Amino acid sequence: MRSLIVLFFLYFFLFISFFFLKEANLKNDFYIYIEDGDSLTSIKDKLADKNIFFPSIVDLTFFLSGRDELLRKGEYKINSTDNLLLISYKLYFGKINFRSFYIPEGAVLSSYLSKKEIKNFCLFKGFERCQLEGLLHPNTYFFELGDDINILLNKAFNRQLEIATSNFKKNNSMLPIKSIKELIIVASILEKESCPEERSIISGVIYNRLKKEMKLQIDSTVIYGIDNFDGDLTRKDLRKKTPFNSYTNYGLPPHPIASASESSIYAAANPSKHNFLYFVSKGNCEHYFSENYNDHLNAVKKYQLN
């Protein structure tokens, strides 16, 4: 019995040593895809095309464990630095490769989704009016090759709605807005206008102006309404009539203008209490705030015109 145990450990040691020392000698990374019904034999054929060959002990190990017929479906990434041990480990334990999909904070929908993808998701949700701007939570999402993108987008949609709903319910009686949609609109403006440190202050400015029925006069809303904006906002642009021009229209724009982060939604629901009605950029993500128009004009001369 003792000799069998010693033989087993010797065999195991030689087996592991072989794999640790045996390199696959790959020139480049590559991917293999295991489909439903694929067996170890068919996968070995795919690997053989890359000059990767396993000894018969691998077949025995997979066979005894039943893994030869229960391989995890999905995409596997084989790195050029992988040895045979690591490759067999990935296959045995189903260590598939996950891809990532990134929704940036402050991004417009068309920068990360095609028109077809937007339309398909609206059909998936059963929306009569396909307006998704600002309604997908900015984050990195992981998925498997072959996954339905609508499922992924639905996670982003539900997360954004969850965050906005929670913040709106806690503070809706204190805000001069009437819906979760309007909260997200304010949050999207904050995302484009400021860094996190000043968002609550600018949120207060927006609500102060809304309460006084003043035009918001915020550049980022104007820019959103300009097709193929070249980066130079002119006086002509400020006079151009679009639904998003807050210099010519009262109230909030008709829908969000960007993907709003959680911090922006929080700031939209938790504005600072002050009497500021104006702000102008000082550069480096800082603004100068004013309570009256004369002070604002002086700030514009100091920080913008000069």
C-alpha atoms as a PDB file:
ATOM      1  CA  MET A   1       0.000   0.000   0.000  1.00  0.00           C
ATOM      2  CA  ARG A   2       2.817   2.380   0.947  1.00  0.00           C
ATOM      3  CA  SER A   3       4.570   1.704  -2.340  1.00  0.00           C
ATOM      4  CA  LEU A   4       1.367   2.607  -4.235  1.00  0.00           C
ATOM      5  CA  ILE A   5       1.143   5.925  -2.386  1.00  0.00           C
ATOM      6  CA  VAL A   6       4.792   6.690  -3.123  1.00  0.00           C
ATOM      7  CA  LEU A   7       4.238   5.732  -6.766  1.00  0.00           C
ATOM      8  CA  PHE A   8       1.168   7.982  -6.944  1.00  0.00           C
ATOM      9  CA  PHE A   9       3.022  11.010  -5.578  1.00  0.00           C
ATOM     10  CA  LEU A  10       5.990  10.339  -7.842  1.00  0.00           C
ATOM     11  CA  TYR A  11       3.647  10.111 -10.801  1.00  0.00           C
ATOM     12  CA  PHE A  12       1.862  13.310  -9.736  1.00  0.00           C
ATOM     13  CA  PHE A  13       5.173  15.159  -9.274  1.00  0.00           C
ATOM     14  CA  LEU A  14       6.405  14.105 -12.715  1.00  0.00           C
ATOM     15  CA  PHE A  15       3.047  15.064 -14.219  1.00  0.00           C
ATOM     16  CA  ILE A  16       3.097  18.571 -12.710  1.00  0.00           C
ATOM     17  CA  SER A  17       6.797  19.066 -13.474  1.00  0.00           C
ATOM     18  CA  PHE A  18       6.202  18.167 -17.078  1.00  0.00           C
ATOM     19  CA  PHE A  19       3.560  20.809 -17.465  1.00  0.00           C
ATOM     20  CA  PHE A  20       5.459  23.498 -15.630  1.00  0.00           C
ATOM     21  CA  LEU A  21       8.525  22.919 -17.750  1.00  0.00           C
ATOM     22  CA  LYS A  22       6.784  22.292 -21.058  1.00  0.00           C
ATOM     23  CA  GLU A  23       6.151  25.566 -22.884  1.00  0.00           C
ATOM     24  CA  ALA A  24       3.606  25.806 -25.678  1.00  0.00           C
ATOM     25  CA  ASN A  25       6.050  27.872 -27.786  1.00  0.00           C
ATOM     26  CA  LEU A  26       3.412  30.167 -29.216  1.00  0.00           C
ATOM     27  CA  LYS A  27       4.302  33.221 -31.251  1.00  0.00           C
ATOM     28  CA  ASN A  28       1.047  35.104 -30.609  1.00  0.00           C
ATOM     29  CA  ASP A  29      -2.027  35.057 -28.400  1.00  0.00           C
ATOM     30  CA  PHE A  30      -5.076  33.395 -29.923  1.00  0.00           C
ATOM     31  CA  TYR A  31      -8.636  32.419 -29.073  1.00  0.00           C
ATOM     32  CA  ILE A  32     -10.547  29.171 -29.326  1.00  0.00           C
ATOM     33  CA  TYR A  33     -14.297  28.842 -28.988  1.00  0.00           C
ATOM     34  CA  ILE A  34     -15.965  25.823 -27.397  1.00  0.00           C
ATOM     35  CA  GLU A  35     -19.485  25.264 -28.673  1.00  0.00           C
ATOM     36  CA  ASP A  36     -22.264  23.089 -27.310  1.00  0.00           C
ATOM     37  CA  GLY A  37     -21.413  19.438 -27.884  1.00  0.00           C
ATOM     38  CA  ASP A  38     -17.663  19.965 -28.330  1.00  0.00           C
ATOM     39  CA  SER A  39     -15.561  17.257 -26.718  1.00  0.00           C
ATOM     40  CA  LEU A  40     -11.961  17.295 -25.556  1.00  0.00           C
ATOM     41  CA  THR A  41     -10.999  15.475 -28.756  1.00  0.00           C
ATOM     42  CA  SER A  42     -12.399  18.221 -30.987  1.00  0.00           C
ATOM     43  CA  ILE A  43     -10.711  20.902 -28.881  1.00  0.00           C
ATOM     44  CA  LYS A  44      -7.389  19.063 -29.096  1.00  0.00           C
ATOM     45  CA  ASP A  45      -7.769  19.107 -32.873  1.00  0.00           C
ATOM     46  CA  LYS A  46      -8.150  22.893 -32.767  1.00  0.00           C
ATOM     47  CA  LEU A  47      -5.073  23.186 -30.547  1.00  0.00           C
ATOM     48  CA  ALA A  48      -3.107  20.874 -32.815  1.00  0.00           C
ATOM     49  CA  ASP A  49      -3.493  23.453 -35.581  1.00  0.00           C
ATOM     50  CA  LYS A  50      -1.438  25.738 -33.319  1.00  0.00           C
ATOM     51  CA  ASN A  51       1.137  22.970 -32.648  1.00  0.00           C
ATOM     52  CA  ILE A  52      -0.129  22.412 -29.110  1.00  0.00           C
ATOM     53  CA  PHE A  53      -0.185  18.737 -28.162  1.00  0.00           C
ATOM     54  CA  PHE A  54      -1.139  17.205 -24.823  1.00  0.00           C
ATOM     55  CA  PRO A  55       0.180  13.845 -23.579  1.00  0.00           C
ATOM     56  CA  SER A  56      -2.290  11.008 -23.087  1.00  0.00           C
ATOM     57  CA  ILE A  57      -2.338  11.644 -19.330  1.00  0.00           C
ATOM     58  CA  VAL A  58      -4.456  14.742 -20.039  1.00  0.00           C
ATOM     59  CA  ASP A  59      -7.073  12.592 -21.763  1.00  0.00           C
ATOM     60  CA  LEU A  60      -7.092  10.262 -18.771  1.00  0.00           C
ATOM     61  CA  THR A  61      -7.493  13.128 -16.285  1.00  0.00           C
ATOM     62  CA  PHE A  62     -10.404  14.679 -18.202  1.00  0.00           C
ATOM     63  CA  PHE A  63     -11.995  11.264 -18.763  1.00  0.00           C
ATOM     64  CA  LEU A  64     -11.844  10.152 -15.130  1.00  0.00           C
ATOM     65  CA  SER A  65     -13.384  13.433 -13.974  1.00  0.00           C
ATOM     66  CA  GLY A  66     -15.999  13.497 -16.735  1.00  0.00           C
ATOM     67  CA  ARG A  67     -14.714  16.836 -17.949  1.00  0.00           C
ATOM     68  CA  ASP A  68     -14.056  15.554 -21.456  1.00  0.00           C
ATOM     69  CA  GLU A  69     -17.802  15.766 -22.204  1.00  0.00           C
ATOM     70  CA  LEU A  70     -18.628  18.713 -19.910  1.00  0.00           C
ATOM     71  CA  LEU A  71     -16.386  21.445 -21.238  1.00  0.00           C
ATOM     72  CA  ARG A  72     -17.573  24.969 -20.471  1.00  0.00           C
ATOM     73  CA  LYS A  73     -19.015  26.646 -23.563  1.00  0.00           C
ATOM     74  CA  GLY A  74     -17.373  29.960 -24.411  1.00  0.00           C
ATOM     75  CA  GLU A  75     -14.316  31.759 -25.713  1.00  0.00           C
ATOM     76  CA  TYR A  76     -10.890  30.909 -24.271  1.00  0.00           C
ATOM     77  CA  LYS A  77      -7.861  33.109 -24.642  1.00  0.00           C
ATOM     78  CA  ILE A  78      -4.553  31.298 -25.006  1.00  0.00           C
ATOM     79  CA  ASN A  79      -1.633  33.602 -24.305  1.00  0.00           C
ATOM     80  CA  SER A  80       1.722  33.206 -25.999  1.00  0.00           C
ATOM     81  CA  THR A  81       3.301  32.845 -22.540  1.00  0.00           C
ATOM     82  CA  ASP A  82       0.965  30.032 -21.394  1.00  0.00           C
ATOM     83  CA  ASN A  83       2.477  26.649 -20.690  1.00  0.00           C
ATOM     84  CA  LEU A  84       0.608  23.359 -21.106  1.00  0.00           C
ATOM     85  CA  LEU A  85      -0.383  23.306 -17.450  1.00  0.00           C
ATOM     86  CA  LEU A  86      -2.092  26.678 -17.694  1.00  0.00           C
ATOM     87  CA  ILE A  87      -3.821  25.814 -20.966  1.00  0.00           C
ATOM     88  CA  SER A  88      -5.197  22.560 -19.569  1.00  0.00           C
ATOM     89  CA  TYR A  89      -6.199  24.377 -16.367  1.00  0.00           C
ATOM     90  CA  LYS A  90      -8.250  26.924 -18.349  1.00  0.00           C
ATOM     91  CA  LEU A  91     -10.052  24.168 -20.234  1.00  0.00           C
ATOM     92  CA  TYR A  92     -10.598  21.961 -17.192  1.00  0.00           C
ATOM     93  CA  PHE A  93     -12.041  24.695 -14.969  1.00  0.00           C
ATOM     94  CA  GLY A  94     -13.835  26.614 -17.722  1.00  0.00           C
ATOM     95  CA  LYS A  95     -11.807  29.818 -17.373  1.00  0.00           C
ATOM     96  CA  ILE A  96     -13.411  31.562 -20.308  1.00  0.00           C
ATOM     97  CA  ASN A  97     -12.415  34.960 -21.614  1.00  0.00           C
ATOM     98  CA  PHE A  98     -14.723  37.853 -20.720  1.00  0.00           C
ATOM     99  CA  ARG A  99     -14.889  40.868 -22.991  1.00  0.00           C
ATOM    100  CA  SER A 100     -15.632  44.362 -21.730  1.00  0.00           C
ATOM    101  CA  PHE A 101     -18.014  47.095 -22.836  1.00  0.00           C
ATOM    102  CA  TYR A 102     -17.359  50.602 -21.545  1.00  0.00           C
ATOM    103  CA  ILE A 103     -19.917  53.386 -21.212  1.00  0.00           C
ATOM    104  CA  PRO A 104     -17.912  56.556 -20.428  1.00  0.00           C
ATOM    105  CA  GLU A 105     -19.130  59.209 -18.019  1.00  0.00           C
ATOM    106  CA  GLY A 106     -20.308  62.279 -19.901  1.00  0.00           C
ATOM    107  CA  ALA A 107     -20.464  60.473 -23.253  1.00  0.00           C
ATOM    108  CA  VAL A 108     -23.253  60.835 -25.790  1.00  0.00           C
ATOM    109  CA  LEU A 109     -25.064  57.686 -26.852  1.00  0.00           C
ATOM    110  CA  SER A 110     -23.866  57.765 -30.465  1.00  0.00           C
ATOM    111  CA  SER A 111     -20.234  57.606 -29.350  1.00  0.00           C
ATOM    112  CA  TYR A 112     -20.523  54.038 -28.062  1.00  0.00           C
ATOM    113  CA  LEU A 113     -23.636  52.549 -29.726  1.00  0.00           C
ATOM    114  CA  SER A 114     -24.628  52.340 -33.370  1.00  0.00           C
ATOM    115  CA  LYS A 115     -28.061  53.445 -34.589  1.00  0.00           C
ATOM    116  CA  LYS A 116     -28.942  49.793 -35.162  1.00  0.00           C
ATOM    117  CA  GLU A 117     -27.960  48.805 -31.607  1.00  0.00           C
ATOM    118  CA  ILE A 118     -30.010  51.691 -30.184  1.00  0.00           C
ATOM    119  CA  LYS A 119     -33.042  50.738 -32.273  1.00  0.00           C
ATOM    120  CA  ASN A 120     -32.758  47.054 -31.348  1.00  0.00           C
ATOM    121  CA  PHE A 121     -32.599  47.848 -27.634  1.00  0.00           C
ATOM    122  CA  CYS A 122     -35.685  50.048 -27.879  1.00  0.00           C
ATOM    123  CA  LEU A 123     -37.495  47.160 -29.582  1.00  0.00           C
ATOM    124  CA  PHE A 124     -36.199  44.838 -26.848  1.00  0.00           C
ATOM    125  CA  LYS A 125     -37.671  47.159 -24.189  1.00  0.00           C
ATOM    126  CA  GLY A 126     -40.846  47.813 -26.143  1.00  0.00           C
ATOM    127  CA  PHE A 127     -40.342  51.573 -26.164  1.00  0.00           C
ATOM    128  CA  GLU A 128     -42.625  53.472 -28.530  1.00  0.00           C
ATOM    129  CA  ARG A 129     -40.302  56.484 -28.415  1.00  0.00           C
ATOM    130  CA  CYS A 130     -36.646  55.552 -28.721  1.00  0.00           C
ATOM    131  CA  GLN A 131     -34.807  58.042 -26.526  1.00  0.00           C
ATOM    132  CA  LEU A 132     -31.991  56.522 -24.479  1.00  0.00           C
ATOM    133  CA  GLU A 133     -29.626  59.458 -24.035  1.00  0.00           C
ATOM    134  CA  GLY A 134     -28.455  59.569 -20.411  1.00  0.00           C
ATOM    135  CA  LEU A 135     -30.462  56.478 -19.443  1.00  0.00           C
ATOM    136  CA  LEU A 136     -27.565  53.978 -19.487  1.00  0.00           C
ATOM    137  CA  HIS A 137     -25.361  53.955 -16.403  1.00  0.00           C
ATOM    138  CA  PRO A 138     -21.700  54.709 -17.216  1.00  0.00           C
ATOM    139  CA  ASN A 139     -19.504  51.794 -16.168  1.00  0.00           C
ATOM    140  CA  THR A 140     -17.510  48.843 -17.512  1.00  0.00           C
ATOM    141  CA  TYR A 141     -19.630  45.758 -18.203  1.00  0.00           C
ATOM    142  CA  PHE A 142     -18.263  42.265 -18.849  1.00  0.00           C
ATOM    143  CA  PHE A 143     -19.815  39.731 -21.191  1.00  0.00           C
ATOM    144  CA  GLU A 144     -19.098  36.501 -22.994  1.00  0.00           C
ATOM    145  CA  LEU A 145     -18.712  36.220 -26.743  1.00  0.00           C
ATOM    146  CA  GLY A 146     -22.133  35.498 -28.180  1.00  0.00           C
ATOM    147  CA  ASP A 147     -24.084  37.176 -25.357  1.00  0.00           C
ATOM    148  CA  ASP A 148     -27.057  39.314 -26.337  1.00  0.00           C
ATOM    149  CA  ILE A 149     -25.971  42.971 -26.088  1.00  0.00           C
ATOM    150  CA  ASN A 150     -29.535  43.888 -25.153  1.00  0.00           C
ATOM    151  CA  ILE A 151     -29.124  41.982 -21.883  1.00  0.00           C
ATOM    152  CA  LEU A 152     -25.978  43.974 -21.112  1.00  0.00           C
ATOM    153  CA  LEU A 153     -27.607  47.297 -22.017  1.00  0.00           C
ATOM    154  CA  ASN A 154     -30.599  46.384 -19.882  1.00  0.00           C
ATOM    155  CA  LYS A 155     -28.301  46.074 -16.870  1.00  0.00           C
ATOM    156  CA  ALA A 156     -26.975  49.568 -17.552  1.00  0.00           C
ATOM    157  CA  PHE A 157     -30.509  50.898 -18.049  1.00  0.00           C
ATOM    158  CA  ASN A 158     -31.871  49.327 -14.858  1.00  0.00           C
ATOM    159  CA  ARG A 159     -28.888  50.515 -12.820  1.00  0.00           C
ATOM    160  CA  GLN A 160     -29.299  54.130 -13.973  1.00  0.00           C
ATOM    161  CA  LEU A 161     -33.013  54.030 -13.218  1.00  0.00           C
ATOM    162  CA  GLU A 162     -32.352  52.489  -9.801  1.00  0.00           C
ATOM    163  CA  ILE A 163     -29.845  55.204  -8.824  1.00  0.00           C
ATOM    164  CA  ALA A 164     -32.033  58.043 -10.100  1.00  0.00           C
ATOM    165  CA  THR A 165     -35.204  56.663  -8.496  1.00  0.00           C
ATOM    166  CA  SER A 166     -33.526  56.249  -5.116  1.00  0.00           C
ATOM    167  CA  ASN A 167     -32.171  59.817  -5.129  1.00  0.00           C
ATOM    168  CA  PHE A 168     -35.418  61.314  -6.407  1.00  0.00           C
ATOM    169  CA  LYS A 169     -37.559  59.601  -3.757  1.00  0.00           C
ATOM    170  CA  LYS A 170     -35.351  60.920  -0.960  1.00  0.00           C
ATOM    171  CA  ASN A 171     -35.357  64.518  -2.150  1.00  0.00           C
ATOM    172  CA  ASN A 172     -38.230  65.122  -4.588  1.00  0.00           C
ATOM    173  CA  SER A 173     -40.174  67.355  -2.180  1.00  0.00           C
ATOM    174  CA  MET A 174     -37.188  69.742  -1.975  1.00  0.00           C
ATOM    175  CA  LEU A 175     -36.524  69.994  -5.717  1.00  0.00           C
ATOM    176  CA  PRO A 176     -38.181  72.259  -8.307  1.00  0.00           C
ATOM    177  CA  ILE A 177     -38.478  69.321 -10.722  1.00  0.00           C
ATOM    178  CA  LYS A 178     -41.319  66.859 -11.135  1.00  0.00           C
ATOM    179  CA  SER A 179     -39.860  63.594 -12.381  1.00  0.00           C
ATOM    180  CA  ILE A 180     -36.956  61.152 -12.378  1.00  0.00           C
ATOM    181  CA  LYS A 181     -36.370  62.069 -16.026  1.00  0.00           C
ATOM    182  CA  GLU A 182     -35.852  65.712 -15.092  1.00  0.00           C
ATOM    183  CA  LEU A 183     -33.426  64.680 -12.357  1.00  0.00           C
ATOM    184  CA  ILE A 184     -31.349  62.783 -14.926  1.00  0.00           C
ATOM    185  CA  ILE A 185     -31.464  65.784 -17.268  1.00  0.00           C
ATOM    186  CA  VAL A 186     -30.022  68.019 -14.533  1.00  0.00           C
ATOM    187  CA  ALA A 187     -27.431  65.355 -13.708  1.00  0.00           C
ATOM    188  CA  SER A 188     -26.345  65.136 -17.343  1.00  0.00           C
ATOM    189  CA  ILE A 189     -25.788  68.903 -17.444  1.00  0.00           C
ATOM    190  CA  LEU A 190     -23.711  68.709 -14.259  1.00  0.00           C
ATOM    191  CA  GLU A 191     -21.657  65.908 -15.807  1.00  0.00           C
ATOM    192  CA  LYS A 192     -20.720  68.141 -18.736  1.00  0.00           C
ATOM    193  CA  GLU A 193     -20.310  71.395 -16.796  1.00  0.00           C
ATOM    194  CA  SER A 194     -18.182  70.570 -13.777  1.00  0.00           C
ATOM    195  CA  CYS A 195     -15.919  68.315 -11.800  1.00  0.00           C
ATOM    196  CA  PRO A 196     -17.364  66.402  -8.817  1.00  0.00           C
ATOM    197  CA  GLU A 197     -16.210  68.992  -6.251  1.00  0.00           C
ATOM    198  CA  GLU A 198     -18.499  71.737  -7.603  1.00  0.00           C
ATOM    199  CA  ARG A 199     -21.463  69.799  -8.925  1.00  0.00           C
ATOM    200  CA  SER A 200     -23.685  70.430  -5.909  1.00  0.00           C
ATOM    201  CA  ILE A 201     -23.012  74.193  -6.156  1.00  0.00           C
ATOM    202  CA  ILE A 202     -23.837  74.274  -9.883  1.00  0.00           C
ATOM    203  CA  SER A 203     -26.867  72.117  -9.159  1.00  0.00           C
ATOM    204  CA  GLY A 204     -28.007  74.885  -6.794  1.00  0.00           C
ATOM    205  CA  VAL A 205     -27.454  77.493  -9.520  1.00  0.00           C
ATOM    206  CA  ILE A 206     -29.631  75.523 -11.969  1.00  0.00           C
ATOM    207  CA  TYR A 207     -32.472  75.211  -9.466  1.00  0.00           C
ATOM    208  CA  ASN A 208     -32.191  78.869  -8.412  1.00  0.00           C
ATOM    209  CA  ARG A 209     -32.610  79.931 -12.032  1.00  0.00           C
ATOM    210  CA  LEU A 210     -35.500  77.528 -12.595  1.00  0.00           C
ATOM    211  CA  LYS A 211     -37.296  78.895  -9.529  1.00  0.00           C
ATOM    212  CA  LYS A 212     -36.883  82.449 -10.831  1.00  0.00           C
ATOM    213  CA  GLU A 213     -37.985  81.330 -14.320  1.00  0.00           C
ATOM    214  CA  MET A 214     -34.672  82.417 -15.793  1.00  0.00           C
ATOM    215  CA  LYS A 215     -33.144  80.822 -18.859  1.00  0.00           C
ATOM    216  CA  LEU A 216     -30.385  78.411 -17.829  1.00  0.00           C
ATOM    217  CA  GLN A 217     -27.926  79.755 -20.441  1.00  0.00           C
ATOM    218  CA  ILE A 218     -25.587  76.767 -20.179  1.00  0.00           C
ATOM    219  CA  ASP A 219     -23.156  76.136 -23.037  1.00  0.00           C
ATOM    220  CA  SER A 220     -23.177  72.337 -22.910  1.00  0.00           C
ATOM    221  CA  THR A 221     -26.887  72.204 -23.742  1.00  0.00           C
ATOM    222  CA  VAL A 222     -26.326  74.436 -26.763  1.00  0.00           C
ATOM    223  CA  ILE A 223     -23.429  72.286 -27.949  1.00  0.00           C
ATOM    224  CA  TYR A 224     -25.537  69.129 -27.718  1.00  0.00           C
ATOM    225  CA  GLY A 225     -28.030  70.628 -30.154  1.00  0.00           C
ATOM    226  CA  ILE A 226     -25.377  71.441 -32.762  1.00  0.00           C
ATOM    227  CA  ASP A 227     -24.684  68.760 -35.377  1.00  0.00           C
ATOM    228  CA  ASN A 228     -20.971  68.092 -35.902  1.00  0.00           C
ATOM    229  CA  PHE A 229     -19.846  70.703 -33.395  1.00  0.00           C
ATOM    230  CA  ASP A 230     -16.292  71.824 -34.244  1.00  0.00           C
ATOM    231  CA  GLY A 231     -15.287  72.909 -30.727  1.00  0.00           C
ATOM    232  CA  ASP A 232     -15.755  76.643 -31.277  1.00  0.00           C
ATOM    233  CA  LEU A 233     -18.945  77.963 -29.676  1.00  0.00           C
ATOM    234  CA  THR A 234     -19.924  81.229 -31.377  1.00  0.00           C
ATOM    235  CA  ARG A 235     -22.518  83.943 -30.743  1.00  0.00           C
ATOM    236  CA  LYS A 236     -24.351  82.647 -33.774  1.00  0.00           C
ATOM    237  CA  ASP A 237     -24.558  79.235 -32.077  1.00  0.00           C
ATOM    238  CA  LEU A 238     -25.994  80.843 -28.949  1.00  0.00           C
ATOM    239  CA  ARG A 239     -28.771  82.388 -31.041  1.00  0.00           C
ATOM    240  CA  LYS A 240     -29.475  79.243 -33.057  1.00  0.00           C
ATOM    241  CA  LYS A 241     -32.944  77.870 -32.342  1.00  0.00           C
ATOM    242  CA  THR A 242     -32.801  74.235 -31.267  1.00  0.00           C
ATOM    243  CA  PRO A 243     -34.739  72.430 -28.504  1.00  0.00           C
ATOM    244  CA  PHE A 244     -31.483  72.270 -26.513  1.00  0.00           C
ATOM    245  CA  ASN A 245     -30.479  75.936 -26.672  1.00  0.00           C
ATOM    246  CA  SER A 246     -30.901  77.105 -23.082  1.00  0.00           C
ATOM    247  CA  TYR A 247     -30.063  80.666 -24.187  1.00  0.00           C
ATOM    248  CA  THR A 248     -33.253  80.849 -26.288  1.00  0.00           C
ATOM    249  CA  ASN A 249     -35.508  78.410 -24.381  1.00  0.00           C
ATOM    250  CA  TYR A 250     -36.770  78.418 -20.832  1.00  0.00           C
ATOM    251  CA  GLY A 251     -36.597  75.394 -18.563  1.00  0.00           C
ATOM    252  CA  LEU A 252     -34.676  72.161 -18.995  1.00  0.00           C
ATOM    253  CA  PRO A 253     -33.777  70.627 -22.357  1.00  0.00           C
ATOM    254  CA  PRO A 254     -36.187  67.926 -23.588  1.00  0.00           C
ATOM    255  CA  HIS A 255     -33.951  65.028 -22.545  1.00  0.00           C
ATOM    256  CA  PRO A 256     -30.492  64.351 -21.029  1.00  0.00           C
ATOM    257  CA  ILE A 257     -27.435  65.480 -22.970  1.00  0.00           C
ATOM    258  CA  ALA A 258     -24.928  62.842 -21.777  1.00  0.00           C
ATOM    259  CA  SER A 259     -24.430  59.772 -19.602  1.00  0.00           C
ATOM    260  CA  ALA A 260     -24.622  60.968 -16.009  1.00  0.00           C
ATOM    261  CA  SER A 261     -22.481  59.361 -13.311  1.00  0.00           C
ATOM    262  CA  GLU A 262     -23.806  58.429  -9.890  1.00  0.00           C
ATOM    263  CA  SER A 263     -22.042  61.429  -8.349  1.00  0.00           C
ATOM    264  CA  SER A 264     -23.801  63.771 -10.786  1.00  0.00           C
ATOM    265  CA  ILE A 265     -27.192  62.222 -10.031  1.00  0.00           C
ATOM    266  CA  TYR A 266     -26.495  62.628  -6.326  1.00  0.00           C
ATOM    267  CA  ALA A 267     -25.527  66.275  -6.838  1.00  0.00           C
ATOM    268  CA  ALA A 268     -28.671  66.874  -8.898  1.00  0.00           C
ATOM    269  CA  ALA A 269     -30.738  65.524  -6.001  1.00  0.00           C
ATOM    270  CA  ASN A 270     -28.709  67.316  -3.327  1.00  0.00           C
ATOM    271  CA  PRO A 271     -28.073  70.904  -4.482  1.00  0.00           C
ATOM    272  CA  SER A 272     -26.147  73.312  -2.276  1.00  0.00           C
ATOM    273  CA  LYS A 273     -28.247  76.039  -0.700  1.00  0.00           C
ATOM    274  CA  HIS A 274     -27.018  79.482  -1.802  1.00  0.00           C
ATOM    275  CA  ASN A 275     -28.113  82.541  -3.790  1.00  0.00           C
ATOM    276  CA  PHE A 276     -25.802  82.119  -6.784  1.00  0.00           C
ATOM    277  CA  LEU A 277     -27.373  82.624 -10.216  1.00  0.00           C
ATOM    278  CA  TYR A 278     -24.263  82.721 -12.415  1.00  0.00           C
ATOM    279  CA  PHE A 279     -20.980  80.878 -12.824  1.00  0.00           C
ATOM    280  CA  VAL A 280     -18.001  81.209 -15.113  1.00  0.00           C
ATOM    281  CA  SER A 281     -15.060  78.881 -15.615  1.00  0.00           C
ATOM    282  CA  LYS A 282     -11.731  79.832 -14.042  1.00  0.00           C
ATOM    283  CA  GLY A 283      -9.984  76.901 -15.676  1.00  0.00           C
ATOM    284  CA  ASN A 284      -8.686  73.703 -14.045  1.00  0.00           C
ATOM    285  CA  CYS A 285     -12.238  72.568 -13.290  1.00  0.00           C
ATOM    286  CA  GLU A 286     -13.011  75.564 -11.082  1.00  0.00           C
ATOM    287  CA  HIS A 287     -15.733  78.184 -11.404  1.00  0.00           C
ATOM    288  CA  TYR A 288     -16.426  81.641 -10.042  1.00  0.00           C
ATOM    289  CA  PHE A 289     -19.981  82.031  -8.749  1.00  0.00           C
ATOM    290  CA  SER A 290     -21.980  85.274  -8.626  1.00  0.00           C
ATOM    291  CA  GLU A 291     -25.309  86.348  -7.176  1.00  0.00           C
ATOM    292  CA  ASN A 292     -25.913  89.224  -9.620  1.00  0.00           C
ATOM    293  CA  TYR A 293     -25.283  89.990 -13.253  1.00  0.00           C
ATOM    294  CA  ASN A 294     -22.771  92.830 -12.742  1.00  0.00           C
ATOM    295  CA  ASP A 295     -20.507  90.624 -10.635  1.00  0.00           C
ATOM    296  CA  HIS A 296     -20.851  87.926 -13.271  1.00  0.00           C
ATOM    297  CA  LEU A 297     -19.780  90.322 -16.039  1.00  0.00           C
ATOM    298  CA  ASN A 298     -16.720  91.302 -14.053  1.00  0.00           C
ATOM    299  CA  ALA A 299     -15.882  87.632 -13.552  1.00  0.00           C
ATOM    300  CA  VAL A 300     -16.265  86.982 -17.277  1.00  0.00           C
ATOM    301  CA  LYS A 301     -13.837  89.831 -18.032  1.00  0.00           C
ATOM    302  CA  LYS A 302     -11.365  88.533 -15.476  1.00  0.00           C
ATOM    303  CA  TYR A 303     -11.441  84.823 -16.229  1.00  0.00           C
ATOM    304  CA  GLN A 304     -12.580  84.586 -19.846  1.00  0.00           C
ATOM    305  CA  LEU A 305     -11.948  87.740 -21.888  1.00  0.00           C
ATOM    306  CA  ASN A 306      -8.448  88.232 -20.505  1.00  0.00           C
END
